[in-house]
């Protein structure tokens, strides 16, 4: 079993099918997008940007890369990989497995950690979960060029075959009905777009912070914590809920750098006051609760 770059991309300007020729993606109208030497393509038109450099900064991406590569969120990655593999079809009747790659998008992929872990789990599952000969087509999309650049570099170093795209969840450069699984990891879900690009019966896997996620850090950097909303979220249009599981454990951060990286990779860095950031910077160690929800939704 192997991974391969996802090919069913769409022009972000007119939605037409993109075809790859050499180091360029081009649609029938003639819009063209060059593949950078690092292996990613920018499909975020200037007119769709809300700022000059949208998304996570270079510093935030580097902090997240260090933190995730240290294995601090490994249990989350393992749960997501298990869920993704359990929902990928094992065969397509009447079609050779190699003819139709199974497909997965990480919408808001960051520096690509969760797709790399999925690729690793996919390889380890040969002959167990999905069978030999199947190919998994992977696509990572993020609005931050720094995140996509880091994902492309690390993916290449790991021998991973994937497509890396600078783009927006609000206008995914993906052909309709071409994906088996969509991941949204602590991201910004755009359900109509997710429904559009998923095949009927495809699955959306969402990871969101639970009420106690990083509570100990938040109690340090904020004067008080807002009460959590208790109402049950409604299933978005076009989806039926399958299941929700909780992933919860204690995480011991034993260095100033690890604590700094955790803060820097979250929105809390900018939400906290200068005083709150100073309190976090003074910590030599910290035990925090990881509390996230993994929700599975099926495309109607």
Protein backbone atom coordinates (compact mmCIF):
# COMPACT_ATOMS: atom_id res chain seq x y z
CA UNK A 1 0.00 0.00 0.00
CA UNK A 2 1.21 3.46 -0.82
CA UNK A 3 0.29 7.12 -0.84
CA UNK A 4 0.05 9.33 -3.89
CA UNK A 5 -0.64 13.02 -4.58
CA UNK A 6 -4.31 13.91 -4.94
CA UNK A 7 -4.96 14.97 -8.54
CA UNK A 8 -8.61 16.12 -8.72
CA UNK A 9 -7.86 19.80 -8.23
CA UNK A 10 -10.04 22.63 -9.52
CA UNK A 11 -9.21 26.14 -10.69
CA UNK A 12 -9.82 28.59 -7.82
CA UNK A 13 -10.92 31.26 -10.29
CA UNK A 14 -13.60 29.44 -12.31
CA UNK A 15 -13.92 25.95 -10.80
CA UNK A 16 -12.76 24.26 -14.02
CA UNK A 17 -10.76 21.03 -13.84
CA UNK A 18 -7.02 21.57 -13.44
CA UNK A 19 -4.62 19.44 -15.45
CA UNK A 20 -0.96 19.03 -14.54
CA UNK A 21 1.60 19.57 -17.27
CA UNK A 22 5.21 19.51 -16.13
CA UNK A 23 5.51 21.94 -13.23
CA UNK A 24 2.24 23.77 -13.94
CA UNK A 25 -1.42 23.22 -13.19
CA UNK A 26 -3.66 24.69 -15.92
CA UNK A 27 -7.42 24.83 -16.52
CA UNK A 28 -9.25 24.80 -19.86
CA UNK A 29 -9.71 28.57 -19.85
CA UNK A 30 -5.96 29.05 -19.55
CA UNK A 31 -5.46 29.99 -15.91
CA UNK A 32 -2.14 28.52 -14.84
CA UNK A 33 -0.47 27.93 -11.48
CA UNK A 34 3.18 27.01 -11.14
CA UNK A 35 4.42 24.36 -8.72
CA UNK A 36 7.07 25.76 -6.40
CA UNK A 37 10.44 24.04 -6.22
CA UNK A 38 9.53 22.78 -2.74
CA UNK A 39 6.61 20.84 -4.28
CA UNK A 40 3.49 22.86 -3.41
CA UNK A 41 1.17 25.03 -5.51
CA UNK A 42 -0.48 28.30 -4.54
CA UNK A 43 -4.19 28.22 -5.45
CA UNK A 44 -5.19 31.21 -3.33
CA UNK A 45 -5.88 34.11 -5.70
CA UNK A 46 -4.85 37.55 -4.54
CA UNK A 47 -8.45 38.75 -4.67
CA UNK A 48 -9.44 36.00 -2.20
CA UNK A 49 -6.90 37.06 0.43
CA UNK A 50 -8.04 39.09 3.41
CA UNK A 51 -4.50 40.16 4.23
CA UNK A 52 -1.07 40.25 2.62
CA UNK A 53 0.10 37.15 4.49
CA UNK A 54 -3.00 35.25 5.75
CA UNK A 55 -3.01 32.36 8.18
CA UNK A 56 -0.39 31.27 10.67
CA UNK A 57 2.90 33.12 10.68
CA UNK A 58 6.26 31.52 10.04
CA UNK A 59 6.95 31.60 13.78
CA UNK A 60 3.64 29.91 14.69
CA UNK A 61 4.24 27.18 12.13
CA UNK A 62 7.77 26.54 13.47
CA UNK A 63 6.45 26.32 17.04
CA UNK A 64 3.72 23.87 16.04
CA UNK A 65 6.21 21.79 14.08
CA UNK A 66 8.51 21.44 17.08
CA UNK A 67 5.63 20.70 19.46
CA UNK A 68 3.90 18.08 17.29
CA UNK A 69 7.13 16.38 16.21
CA UNK A 70 7.93 15.92 19.90
CA UNK A 71 4.90 13.61 20.06
CA UNK A 72 2.79 15.64 22.47
CA UNK A 73 -0.39 15.14 20.41
CA UNK A 74 0.41 11.60 19.28
CA UNK A 75 -2.72 10.11 20.91
CA UNK A 76 -4.86 12.53 18.89
CA UNK A 77 -3.09 11.59 15.66
CA UNK A 78 -3.54 7.89 16.40
CA UNK A 79 -7.27 8.29 17.08
CA UNK A 80 -7.77 10.29 13.89
CA UNK A 81 -5.82 7.77 11.81
CA UNK A 82 -7.86 4.89 13.25
CA UNK A 83 -11.08 6.70 12.46
CA UNK A 84 -9.98 7.60 8.94
CA UNK A 85 -8.87 4.05 8.14
CA UNK A 86 -12.10 2.60 9.51
CA UNK A 87 -14.14 4.69 7.09
CA UNK A 88 -12.06 4.19 3.95
CA UNK A 89 -13.72 1.59 1.68
CA UNK A 90 -11.68 -1.59 1.34
CA UNK A 91 -12.59 -2.22 -2.29
CA UNK A 92 -14.60 -0.93 -5.25
CA UNK A 93 -16.67 -3.70 -6.89
CA UNK A 94 -15.55 -4.49 -10.41
CA UNK A 95 -12.58 -2.11 -10.30
CA UNK A 96 -8.95 -2.92 -9.63
CA UNK A 97 -7.86 -1.18 -6.39
CA UNK A 98 -4.97 0.57 -8.09
CA UNK A 99 -7.37 2.23 -10.58
CA UNK A 100 -9.22 4.37 -8.03
CA UNK A 101 -7.06 5.75 -5.21
CA UNK A 102 -8.90 6.35 -1.98
CA UNK A 103 -8.66 10.00 -1.03
CA UNK A 104 -8.24 12.18 2.04
CA UNK A 105 -8.07 15.96 2.48
CA UNK A 106 -6.73 17.72 5.56
CA UNK A 107 -8.56 21.05 5.39
CA UNK A 108 -6.32 23.45 7.31
CA UNK A 109 -3.41 21.01 7.29
CA UNK A 110 -0.89 23.24 9.04
CA UNK A 111 2.57 21.75 8.71
CA UNK A 112 1.15 18.38 7.68
CA UNK A 113 1.61 16.38 10.89
CA UNK A 114 -1.74 14.58 10.85
CA UNK A 115 -1.48 13.60 7.17
CA UNK A 116 2.02 12.25 7.74
CA UNK A 117 0.76 10.19 10.66
CA UNK A 118 -2.13 8.93 8.53
CA UNK A 119 0.30 7.94 5.76
CA UNK A 120 2.34 6.03 8.34
CA UNK A 121 -0.75 4.26 9.72
CA UNK A 122 -1.88 3.48 6.16
CA UNK A 123 1.40 1.73 5.45
CA UNK A 124 1.28 -0.19 8.72
CA UNK A 125 -2.28 -1.36 7.99
CA UNK A 126 -1.26 -3.34 4.87
CA UNK A 127 -3.03 -6.67 4.88
CA UNK A 128 -4.95 -5.81 8.06
CA UNK A 129 -7.44 -2.99 7.58
CA UNK A 130 -7.50 -2.05 3.92
CA UNK A 131 -5.62 -4.77 2.07
CA UNK A 132 -2.69 -4.79 -0.30
CA UNK A 133 -2.51 -2.83 -3.51
CA UNK A 134 -4.66 0.12 -2.48
CA UNK A 135 -3.40 3.66 -2.88
CA UNK A 136 -4.29 6.59 -0.65
CA UNK A 137 -4.33 9.98 -2.39
CA UNK A 138 -3.53 12.74 0.11
CA UNK A 139 -4.19 16.48 -0.12
CA UNK A 140 -3.25 19.14 2.40
CA UNK A 141 -4.73 22.63 2.07
CA UNK A 142 -3.91 25.60 4.27
CA UNK A 143 -4.28 29.34 3.86
CA UNK A 144 -0.80 29.90 5.33
CA UNK A 145 1.97 29.63 2.77
CA UNK A 146 4.43 29.06 5.62
CA UNK A 147 2.43 26.06 6.83
CA UNK A 148 2.18 24.52 3.36
CA UNK A 149 5.88 25.10 2.74
CA UNK A 150 6.75 23.30 5.99
CA UNK A 151 4.34 20.46 5.13
CA UNK A 152 5.85 19.98 1.67
CA UNK A 153 9.40 19.94 3.05
CA UNK A 154 8.65 17.47 5.85
CA UNK A 155 6.55 15.27 3.61
CA UNK A 156 9.39 15.00 1.12
CA UNK A 157 11.85 14.13 3.89
CA UNK A 158 9.49 11.40 5.12
CA UNK A 159 9.06 9.96 1.62
CA UNK A 160 5.37 10.86 1.67
CA UNK A 161 3.52 11.34 -1.61
CA UNK A 162 0.90 14.07 -1.25
CA UNK A 163 -0.37 17.25 -2.86
CA UNK A 164 0.21 20.44 -0.87
CA UNK A 165 -1.85 23.49 -1.73
CA UNK A 166 -2.10 27.05 -0.45
CA UNK A 167 -5.85 27.60 -0.47
CA UNK A 168 -8.91 28.43 1.58
CA UNK A 169 -11.55 26.22 3.17
CA UNK A 170 -14.08 28.80 2.00
CA UNK A 171 -13.26 27.99 -1.62
CA UNK A 172 -11.55 24.61 -1.75
CA UNK A 173 -9.73 24.11 -5.08
CA UNK A 174 -11.12 20.58 -5.34
CA UNK A 175 -13.45 18.96 -7.86
CA UNK A 176 -16.91 18.04 -6.48
CA UNK A 177 -17.51 14.58 -5.03
CA UNK A 178 -13.91 13.38 -5.19
CA UNK A 179 -12.96 12.77 -1.55
CA UNK A 180 -13.59 9.80 0.78
CA UNK A 181 -12.48 11.54 3.99
CA UNK A 182 -12.02 15.16 5.06
CA UNK A 183 -10.11 16.05 8.22
CA UNK A 184 -10.65 19.34 10.03
CA UNK A 185 -8.18 19.54 12.90
CA UNK A 186 -8.80 22.46 15.28
CA UNK A 187 -9.66 24.38 12.10
CA UNK A 188 -12.37 26.50 10.58
CA UNK A 189 -15.07 24.21 9.15
CA UNK A 190 -16.95 25.33 6.06
CA UNK A 191 -19.62 22.66 5.88
CA UNK A 192 -21.09 23.51 2.46
CA UNK A 193 -17.61 23.20 0.93
CA UNK A 194 -16.90 19.96 2.79
CA UNK A 195 -20.23 18.55 1.57
CA UNK A 196 -19.45 19.61 -1.98
CA UNK A 197 -16.06 17.89 -2.23
CA UNK A 198 -16.98 14.69 -0.34
CA UNK A 199 -18.44 11.68 -2.11
CA UNK A 200 -21.91 10.58 -0.93
CA UNK A 201 -21.15 8.38 2.08
CA UNK A 202 -17.82 10.12 2.61
CA UNK A 203 -16.85 11.07 6.14
CA UNK A 204 -15.90 14.35 7.82
CA UNK A 205 -13.66 13.91 10.86
CA UNK A 206 -13.50 16.96 13.10
CA UNK A 207 -11.25 17.52 16.11
CA UNK A 208 -12.27 20.37 18.40
CA UNK A 209 -11.13 21.53 21.81
CA UNK A 210 -13.16 20.21 24.75
CA UNK A 211 -14.07 22.29 27.81
CA UNK A 212 -10.93 21.35 29.74
CA UNK A 213 -8.45 21.55 26.86
CA UNK A 214 -5.28 23.28 28.10
CA UNK A 215 -7.23 24.52 31.09
CA UNK A 216 -4.15 24.84 33.31
CA UNK A 217 -2.43 27.08 30.79
CA UNK A 218 -5.55 29.17 30.25
CA UNK A 219 -5.98 29.66 33.98
CA UNK A 220 -2.48 31.16 34.09
CA UNK A 221 -2.70 33.52 31.12
CA UNK A 222 -6.29 34.77 31.58
CA UNK A 223 -7.80 36.57 34.60
CA UNK A 224 -10.84 34.28 34.38
CA UNK A 225 -12.24 31.62 32.05
CA UNK A 226 -15.50 31.99 30.18
CA UNK A 227 -18.14 29.38 31.03
CA UNK A 228 -18.49 26.67 28.43
CA UNK A 229 -21.62 26.51 26.28
CA UNK A 230 -23.60 23.40 27.10
CA UNK A 231 -26.01 23.12 24.17
CA UNK A 232 -25.54 20.22 21.79
CA UNK A 233 -24.38 21.34 18.34
CA UNK A 234 -26.75 20.62 15.47
CA UNK A 235 -25.58 18.45 12.57
CA UNK A 236 -24.72 20.69 9.62
CA UNK A 237 -26.87 20.50 6.51
CA UNK A 238 -25.87 17.64 4.23
CA UNK A 239 -24.39 15.53 7.05
CA UNK A 240 -25.59 12.89 9.49
CA UNK A 241 -23.70 12.43 12.78
CA UNK A 242 -22.11 9.03 13.34
CA UNK A 243 -20.28 9.23 16.65
CA UNK A 244 -18.29 11.48 18.97
CA UNK A 245 -15.42 10.31 21.13
CA UNK A 246 -13.35 12.09 23.74
CA UNK A 247 -9.57 12.01 23.79
CA UNK A 248 -8.30 13.10 27.18
CA UNK A 249 -4.95 12.77 28.92
CA UNK A 250 -2.42 14.69 31.00
CA UNK A 251 0.58 16.16 29.24
CA UNK A 252 3.74 17.06 31.11
CA UNK A 253 5.77 19.86 29.56
CA UNK A 254 9.16 19.92 31.22
CA UNK A 255 10.89 22.86 29.60
CA UNK A 256 10.42 26.55 29.01
CA UNK A 257 10.71 25.98 25.27
CA UNK A 258 7.93 23.36 25.16
CA UNK A 259 5.56 25.66 27.06
CA UNK A 260 6.48 28.57 24.78
CA UNK A 261 5.84 26.45 21.69
CA UNK A 262 2.42 25.36 22.96
CA UNK A 263 1.38 28.94 23.61
CA UNK A 264 2.84 30.19 20.32
CA UNK A 265 0.97 27.63 18.22
CA UNK A 266 -2.46 28.50 19.62
CA UNK A 267 -4.71 31.57 19.30
CA UNK A 268 -4.12 32.13 23.03
CA UNK A 269 -0.81 33.81 22.21
CA UNK A 270 -2.64 36.81 20.77
CA UNK A 271 -5.67 36.70 23.06
CA UNK A 272 -3.66 36.78 26.27
CA UNK A 273 -2.51 40.04 27.82
CA UNK A 274 1.16 40.93 28.09
CA UNK A 275 0.93 40.05 31.77
CA UNK A 276 -0.52 36.65 30.95
CA UNK A 277 2.23 35.90 28.44
CA UNK A 278 4.85 36.91 31.01
CA UNK A 279 3.38 34.47 33.55
CA UNK A 280 3.57 31.66 31.01
CA UNK A 281 7.15 32.57 30.09
CA UNK A 282 8.20 32.31 33.74
CA UNK A 283 7.13 28.65 33.98
CA UNK A 284 9.86 25.99 34.01
CA UNK A 285 7.36 23.11 33.74
CA UNK A 286 3.63 22.65 33.39
CA UNK A 287 1.15 19.77 33.37
CA UNK A 288 -1.83 20.46 31.15
CA UNK A 289 -4.98 18.54 30.30
CA UNK A 290 -5.48 17.57 26.68
CA UNK A 291 -9.23 17.35 26.12
CA UNK A 292 -10.54 17.12 22.57
CA UNK A 293 -13.62 15.80 20.80
CA UNK A 294 -13.38 13.70 17.65
CA UNK A 295 -16.67 13.92 15.77
CA UNK A 296 -17.56 11.74 12.79
CA UNK A 297 -20.13 12.98 10.26
CA UNK A 298 -21.22 11.16 7.13
CA UNK A 299 -22.06 12.96 3.89
CA UNK A 300 -25.71 12.30 3.00
